[in-house]
C-alpha cells in the first residue's frame, strides 16, 4: 500500500490507521478506549481476587489473626478495584508528573529498577 493512499471502507468511513497517521483527536480517542478496557479488566481481576480471598478466609475453621488479615487484604483489594475503575488518564498523568517533580531522584531509581526487571524478563525469552 502506498504511504499516501487512504484506507476507507465502502461507506467512506476511515479504517484504523497506525498512531503515526492519526490526528491527535483520533489517537486520544483510541488510547482512551484502550485505557478503559485495561482499566475494567484490572478492576475485574482485583474484585475477583478480593472475593476469592474473602471466601478463603471465611472457610477457615479457626478464627485467628490470620483470617483477620485475609479479610483486611480482601478489603484492600476491593478498594483498589474501586480506585482503578474510577481513575481517569489525565489524573494518572498529573499524579505521576507531580510525584516526579517532588522526588526526581526516587523517580529515576524506580524507573531504573523497572527497566532492569523488564530487561531481565525480556532477555530470558
N, C-alpha and C. Protein backbone atom coordinates (compact mmCIF):
# COMPACT_ATOMS: atom_id res chain seq x y z
N UNK A 1 0.84 -1.17 0.00
CA UNK A 1 0.00 0.00 0.00
C UNK A 1 0.89 1.23 0.00
N UNK A 2 0.54 2.21 -0.80
CA UNK A 2 1.31 3.44 -0.92
C UNK A 2 1.17 4.26 0.36
N UNK A 3 2.23 4.97 0.78
CA UNK A 3 2.15 5.77 2.00
C UNK A 3 1.08 6.85 1.96
N UNK A 4 0.79 7.42 0.78
CA UNK A 4 -0.20 8.49 0.70
C UNK A 4 -1.60 7.97 0.49
N UNK A 5 -1.76 6.67 0.26
CA UNK A 5 -3.07 6.10 0.00
C UNK A 5 -3.90 6.07 1.28
N UNK A 6 -5.16 6.49 1.21
CA UNK A 6 -6.05 6.50 2.36
C UNK A 6 -6.77 5.17 2.45
N UNK A 7 -7.08 4.73 3.66
CA UNK A 7 -7.79 3.48 3.89
C UNK A 7 -9.23 3.79 4.26
N UNK A 8 -10.16 3.58 3.31
CA UNK A 8 -11.57 3.81 3.55
C UNK A 8 -12.35 2.56 3.21
N UNK A 9 -13.44 2.31 3.94
CA UNK A 9 -14.31 1.21 3.57
C UNK A 9 -15.28 1.70 2.50
N UNK A 10 -16.23 0.87 2.11
CA UNK A 10 -17.14 1.22 1.02
C UNK A 10 -18.06 2.39 1.38
N UNK A 11 -18.34 2.58 2.66
CA UNK A 11 -19.22 3.67 3.07
C UNK A 11 -18.46 4.98 3.25
N UNK A 12 -17.18 4.97 2.98
CA UNK A 12 -16.38 6.18 3.11
C UNK A 12 -15.84 6.41 4.51
N UNK A 13 -16.06 5.45 5.43
CA UNK A 13 -15.55 5.57 6.79
C UNK A 13 -14.07 5.20 6.80
N UNK A 14 -13.27 5.99 7.49
CA UNK A 14 -11.85 5.73 7.53
C UNK A 14 -11.57 4.53 8.42
N UNK A 15 -10.74 3.61 7.91
CA UNK A 15 -10.39 2.42 8.66
C UNK A 15 -9.29 2.75 9.66
N UNK A 16 -9.03 1.80 10.60
CA UNK A 16 -7.99 2.00 11.60
C UNK A 16 -6.65 2.24 10.94
N UNK A 17 -5.96 3.24 11.44
CA UNK A 17 -4.65 3.56 10.92
C UNK A 17 -3.65 3.50 12.06
N UNK A 18 -2.36 3.36 11.75
CA UNK A 18 -1.35 3.42 12.80
C UNK A 18 -1.38 4.78 13.48
N UNK A 19 -0.89 4.82 14.73
CA UNK A 19 -0.92 6.06 15.50
C UNK A 19 -0.21 7.21 14.80
N UNK A 20 0.87 6.92 14.08
CA UNK A 20 1.62 8.00 13.45
C UNK A 20 0.87 8.62 12.27
N UNK A 21 -0.21 8.00 11.81
CA UNK A 21 -1.00 8.55 10.72
C UNK A 21 -2.32 9.14 11.21
N UNK A 22 -2.55 9.14 12.52
CA UNK A 22 -3.80 9.67 13.07
C UNK A 22 -3.61 11.12 13.48
N UNK A 23 -4.73 11.86 13.46
CA UNK A 23 -4.65 13.19 14.03
C UNK A 23 -4.74 13.03 15.55
N UNK A 24 -4.36 14.05 16.33
CA UNK A 24 -4.32 13.90 17.79
C UNK A 24 -5.64 13.49 18.42
N UNK A 25 -6.77 13.98 17.89
CA UNK A 25 -8.06 13.61 18.46
C UNK A 25 -8.36 12.13 18.26
N UNK A 26 -8.02 11.59 17.08
CA UNK A 26 -8.24 10.17 16.82
C UNK A 26 -7.36 9.32 17.73
N UNK A 27 -6.10 9.71 17.90
CA UNK A 27 -5.19 8.96 18.76
C UNK A 27 -5.67 8.98 20.21
N UNK A 28 -6.15 10.14 20.68
CA UNK A 28 -6.65 10.25 22.05
C UNK A 28 -7.87 9.36 22.25
N UNK A 29 -8.78 9.35 21.25
CA UNK A 29 -9.98 8.52 21.35
C UNK A 29 -9.60 7.04 21.39
N UNK A 30 -8.66 6.64 20.56
CA UNK A 30 -8.23 5.24 20.52
C UNK A 30 -7.53 4.87 21.82
N UNK A 31 -6.65 5.76 22.33
CA UNK A 31 -5.97 5.50 23.60
C UNK A 31 -6.97 5.43 24.74
N UNK A 32 -7.97 6.31 24.74
CA UNK A 32 -8.96 6.31 25.79
C UNK A 32 -9.73 5.01 25.86
N UNK A 33 -10.11 4.46 24.72
CA UNK A 33 -10.85 3.21 24.73
C UNK A 33 -9.96 2.06 25.18
N UNK A 34 -8.69 2.07 24.79
CA UNK A 34 -7.76 1.04 25.25
C UNK A 34 -7.55 1.15 26.75
N UNK A 35 -7.39 2.38 27.23
CA UNK A 35 -7.21 2.60 28.66
C UNK A 35 -8.43 2.11 29.43
N UNK A 36 -9.62 2.39 28.91
CA UNK A 36 -10.85 1.94 29.57
C UNK A 36 -10.94 0.43 29.61
N UNK A 37 -10.52 -0.24 28.55
CA UNK A 37 -10.55 -1.70 28.52
C UNK A 37 -9.59 -2.28 29.55
N UNK A 38 -8.38 -1.74 29.59
CA UNK A 38 -7.40 -2.22 30.57
C UNK A 38 -7.88 -1.94 31.98
N UNK A 39 -8.43 -0.75 32.18
CA UNK A 39 -8.92 -0.36 33.50
C UNK A 39 -10.02 -1.30 33.98
N UNK A 40 -10.97 -1.62 33.12
CA UNK A 40 -12.06 -2.50 33.53
C UNK A 40 -11.57 -3.92 33.77
N UNK A 41 -10.61 -4.38 32.97
CA UNK A 41 -10.07 -5.73 33.16
C UNK A 41 -9.33 -5.83 34.49
N UNK A 42 -8.49 -4.84 34.79
CA UNK A 42 -7.74 -4.85 36.05
C UNK A 42 -8.69 -4.78 37.24
N UNK A 43 -9.69 -3.91 37.16
CA UNK A 43 -10.66 -3.79 38.26
C UNK A 43 -11.41 -5.09 38.47
N UNK A 44 -11.78 -5.74 37.37
CA UNK A 44 -12.49 -7.02 37.47
C UNK A 44 -11.62 -8.08 38.13
N UNK A 45 -10.36 -8.15 37.76
CA UNK A 45 -9.44 -9.13 38.35
C UNK A 45 -9.22 -8.85 39.83
N UNK A 46 -9.10 -7.58 40.19
CA UNK A 46 -8.92 -7.23 41.61
C UNK A 46 -10.15 -7.61 42.43
N UNK A 47 -11.34 -7.35 41.89
CA UNK A 47 -12.58 -7.73 42.60
C UNK A 47 -12.69 -9.24 42.75
N UNK A 48 -12.30 -9.96 41.70
CA UNK A 48 -12.34 -11.42 41.75
C UNK A 48 -11.38 -11.95 42.81
N UNK A 49 -10.19 -11.37 42.87
CA UNK A 49 -9.21 -11.79 43.88
C UNK A 49 -9.71 -11.47 45.28
N UNK A 50 -10.33 -10.30 45.45
CA UNK A 50 -10.87 -9.92 46.76
C UNK A 50 -11.96 -10.88 47.20
N UNK A 51 -12.85 -11.22 46.28
CA UNK A 51 -13.93 -12.16 46.61
C UNK A 51 -13.37 -13.53 46.98
N UNK A 52 -12.40 -13.99 46.22
CA UNK A 52 -11.78 -15.28 46.49
C UNK A 52 -11.09 -15.29 47.86
N UNK A 53 -10.41 -14.20 48.17
CA UNK A 53 -9.72 -14.10 49.45
C UNK A 53 -10.72 -14.05 50.61
N UNK A 54 -11.82 -13.32 50.44
CA UNK A 54 -12.86 -13.30 51.47
C UNK A 54 -13.43 -14.70 51.69
N UNK A 55 -13.69 -15.43 50.61
CA UNK A 55 -14.24 -16.79 50.74
C UNK A 55 -13.26 -17.72 51.42
N UNK A 56 -12.00 -17.61 51.06
CA UNK A 56 -10.98 -18.47 51.68
C UNK A 56 -10.86 -18.17 53.17
N UNK A 57 -10.85 -16.90 53.52
CA UNK A 57 -10.74 -16.52 54.93
C UNK A 57 -11.99 -16.94 55.70
N UNK A 58 -13.15 -16.89 55.07
CA UNK A 58 -14.40 -17.28 55.74
C UNK A 58 -14.49 -18.78 55.96
N UNK A 59 -13.88 -19.56 55.07
CA UNK A 59 -13.93 -21.03 55.20
C UNK A 59 -13.00 -21.57 56.27
N UNK A 60 -12.14 -20.73 56.77
CA UNK A 60 -11.20 -21.17 57.79
C UNK A 60 -11.96 -21.60 59.04
N UNK A 61 -11.58 -22.75 59.58
CA UNK A 61 -12.26 -23.26 60.79
C UNK A 61 -11.79 -22.53 62.04
N UNK A 62 -10.60 -21.99 62.00
CA UNK A 62 -10.08 -21.25 63.15
C UNK A 62 -10.17 -19.76 62.86
N UNK A 63 -10.82 -19.03 63.75
CA UNK A 63 -10.87 -17.58 63.62
C UNK A 63 -9.71 -17.00 64.42
N UNK A 64 -8.65 -16.65 63.74
CA UNK A 64 -7.49 -16.07 64.39
C UNK A 64 -7.04 -14.84 63.64
N UNK A 65 -5.86 -14.36 63.99
CA UNK A 65 -5.34 -13.15 63.35
C UNK A 65 -5.15 -13.33 61.85
N UNK A 66 -4.83 -14.55 61.44
CA UNK A 66 -4.58 -14.79 60.02
C UNK A 66 -5.85 -14.59 59.18
N UNK A 67 -6.98 -15.04 59.69
CA UNK A 67 -8.23 -14.82 58.93
C UNK A 67 -8.57 -13.33 58.91
N UNK A 68 -8.27 -12.64 59.99
CA UNK A 68 -8.49 -11.19 60.02
C UNK A 68 -7.64 -10.48 58.98
N UNK A 69 -6.38 -10.92 58.86
CA UNK A 69 -5.50 -10.34 57.83
C UNK A 69 -6.01 -10.66 56.43
N UNK A 70 -6.56 -11.84 56.27
CA UNK A 70 -7.12 -12.23 54.97
C UNK A 70 -8.27 -11.32 54.58
N UNK A 71 -9.15 -11.03 55.53
CA UNK A 71 -10.27 -10.13 55.27
C UNK A 71 -9.79 -8.70 55.02
N UNK A 72 -8.77 -8.27 55.77
CA UNK A 72 -8.21 -6.94 55.55
C UNK A 72 -7.61 -6.82 54.16
N UNK A 73 -6.87 -7.85 53.75
CA UNK A 73 -6.27 -7.84 52.41
C UNK A 73 -7.35 -7.83 51.33
N UNK A 74 -8.42 -8.59 51.56
CA UNK A 74 -9.52 -8.62 50.59
C UNK A 74 -10.20 -7.25 50.50
N UNK A 75 -10.38 -6.59 51.64
CA UNK A 75 -10.96 -5.25 51.64
C UNK A 75 -10.05 -4.27 50.89
N UNK A 76 -8.74 -4.40 51.10
CA UNK A 76 -7.78 -3.55 50.41
C UNK A 76 -7.86 -3.77 48.90
N UNK A 77 -7.97 -5.03 48.48
CA UNK A 77 -8.09 -5.33 47.05
C UNK A 77 -9.39 -4.75 46.49
N UNK A 78 -10.46 -4.83 47.25
CA UNK A 78 -11.74 -4.26 46.80
C UNK A 78 -11.66 -2.75 46.63
N UNK A 79 -11.01 -2.08 47.60
CA UNK A 79 -10.85 -0.63 47.47
C UNK A 79 -9.94 -0.28 46.30
N UNK A 80 -8.93 -1.11 46.07
CA UNK A 80 -8.04 -0.89 44.91
C UNK A 80 -8.81 -1.04 43.61
N UNK A 81 -9.72 -2.00 43.55
CA UNK A 81 -10.54 -2.18 42.35
C UNK A 81 -11.43 -0.97 42.12
N UNK A 82 -12.00 -0.42 43.19
CA UNK A 82 -12.81 0.79 43.06
C UNK A 82 -11.98 1.96 42.55
N UNK A 83 -10.77 2.10 43.09
CA UNK A 83 -9.87 3.18 42.67
C UNK A 83 -9.53 3.05 41.19
N UNK A 84 -9.18 1.83 40.77
CA UNK A 84 -8.80 1.60 39.37
C UNK A 84 -9.97 1.89 38.45
N UNK A 85 -11.17 1.49 38.83
CA UNK A 85 -12.32 1.68 37.95
C UNK A 85 -12.74 3.14 37.85
N UNK A 86 -12.38 3.97 38.83
CA UNK A 86 -12.79 5.38 38.83
C UNK A 86 -11.73 6.33 38.30
N UNK A 87 -10.50 5.87 38.14
CA UNK A 87 -9.41 6.77 37.78
C UNK A 87 -9.48 7.18 36.31
N UNK A 88 -9.03 8.38 36.04
CA UNK A 88 -9.02 8.94 34.70
C UNK A 88 -7.57 9.09 34.23
N UNK A 89 -7.32 8.94 32.92
CA UNK A 89 -5.95 9.05 32.41
C UNK A 89 -5.29 10.40 32.73
N UNK A 90 -6.04 11.48 32.65
CA UNK A 90 -5.46 12.80 32.94
C UNK A 90 -5.02 12.89 34.40
N UNK A 91 -5.79 12.28 35.28
CA UNK A 91 -5.44 12.31 36.70
C UNK A 91 -4.19 11.48 36.96
N UNK A 92 -4.08 10.33 36.30
CA UNK A 92 -2.89 9.49 36.45
C UNK A 92 -1.66 10.27 36.00
N UNK A 93 -1.78 10.91 34.85
CA UNK A 93 -0.66 11.68 34.32
C UNK A 93 -0.25 12.80 35.27
N UNK A 94 -1.23 13.55 35.77
CA UNK A 94 -0.90 14.66 36.67
C UNK A 94 -0.30 14.15 37.99
N UNK A 95 -0.80 13.02 38.50
CA UNK A 95 -0.24 12.44 39.72
C UNK A 95 1.21 12.02 39.52
N UNK A 96 1.48 11.40 38.37
CA UNK A 96 2.86 10.96 38.08
C UNK A 96 3.77 12.16 37.92
N UNK A 97 3.31 13.16 37.18
CA UNK A 97 4.13 14.36 36.97
C UNK A 97 4.45 15.06 38.29
N UNK A 98 3.46 15.19 39.16
CA UNK A 98 3.72 15.87 40.43
C UNK A 98 4.65 15.04 41.32
N UNK A 99 4.50 13.72 41.27
CA UNK A 99 5.40 12.86 42.04
C UNK A 99 6.83 12.94 41.56
N UNK A 100 7.01 13.00 40.24
CA UNK A 100 8.36 13.11 39.67
C UNK A 100 8.97 14.47 40.03
N UNK A 101 8.17 15.51 39.99
CA UNK A 101 8.69 16.85 40.33
C UNK A 101 9.08 16.94 41.81
N UNK A 102 8.31 16.28 42.67
CA UNK A 102 8.62 16.32 44.10
C UNK A 102 9.83 15.47 44.46
N UNK A 103 9.96 14.30 43.81
CA UNK A 103 11.03 13.36 44.13
C UNK A 103 11.71 12.86 42.85
N UNK A 104 12.52 13.70 42.20
CA UNK A 104 13.13 13.27 40.94
C UNK A 104 14.13 12.13 41.11
N UNK A 105 14.88 12.13 42.20
CA UNK A 105 15.86 11.06 42.42
C UNK A 105 15.19 9.71 42.60
N UNK A 106 14.16 9.69 43.42
CA UNK A 106 13.43 8.44 43.65
C UNK A 106 12.78 7.96 42.37
N UNK A 107 12.27 8.90 41.57
CA UNK A 107 11.63 8.53 40.30
C UNK A 107 12.64 7.89 39.36
N UNK A 108 13.84 8.43 39.31
CA UNK A 108 14.88 7.84 38.47
C UNK A 108 15.27 6.45 38.95
N UNK A 109 15.36 6.28 40.26
CA UNK A 109 15.68 4.95 40.80
C UNK A 109 14.59 3.93 40.47
N UNK A 110 13.34 4.34 40.61
CA UNK A 110 12.23 3.44 40.29
C UNK A 110 12.23 3.09 38.81
N UNK A 111 12.42 4.10 37.96
CA UNK A 111 12.46 3.85 36.51
C UNK A 111 13.61 2.92 36.15
N UNK A 112 14.77 3.12 36.79
CA UNK A 112 15.91 2.24 36.53
C UNK A 112 15.64 0.82 36.98
N UNK A 113 15.02 0.65 38.15
CA UNK A 113 14.70 -0.69 38.65
C UNK A 113 13.70 -1.38 37.73
N UNK A 114 12.68 -0.65 37.30
CA UNK A 114 11.69 -1.23 36.39
C UNK A 114 12.37 -1.63 35.08
N UNK A 115 13.27 -0.79 34.58
CA UNK A 115 14.00 -1.11 33.35
C UNK A 115 14.85 -2.36 33.50
N UNK A 116 15.52 -2.50 34.63
CA UNK A 116 16.33 -3.70 34.87
C UNK A 116 15.48 -4.96 34.93
N UNK A 117 14.35 -4.87 35.63
CA UNK A 117 13.46 -6.03 35.74
C UNK A 117 12.90 -6.41 34.37
N UNK A 118 12.41 -5.42 33.64
CA UNK A 118 11.88 -5.72 32.30
C UNK A 118 12.96 -6.25 31.37
N UNK A 119 14.14 -5.66 31.43
CA UNK A 119 15.26 -6.15 30.62
C UNK A 119 15.61 -7.59 30.94
N UNK A 120 15.62 -7.93 32.22
CA UNK A 120 15.91 -9.31 32.62
C UNK A 120 14.82 -10.27 32.16
N UNK A 121 13.57 -9.84 32.27
CA UNK A 121 12.47 -10.71 31.83
C UNK A 121 12.46 -10.90 30.32
N UNK A 122 12.70 -9.84 29.59
CA UNK A 122 12.69 -9.94 28.12
C UNK A 122 13.91 -10.67 27.59
N UNK A 123 15.01 -10.59 28.27
CA UNK A 123 16.22 -11.28 27.83
C UNK A 123 16.06 -12.80 27.95
N UNK A 124 15.33 -13.25 28.94
CA UNK A 124 15.15 -14.69 29.17
C UNK A 124 14.30 -15.35 28.09
N UNK A 125 13.49 -14.60 27.41
CA UNK A 125 12.58 -15.18 26.40
C UNK A 125 13.29 -15.47 25.17
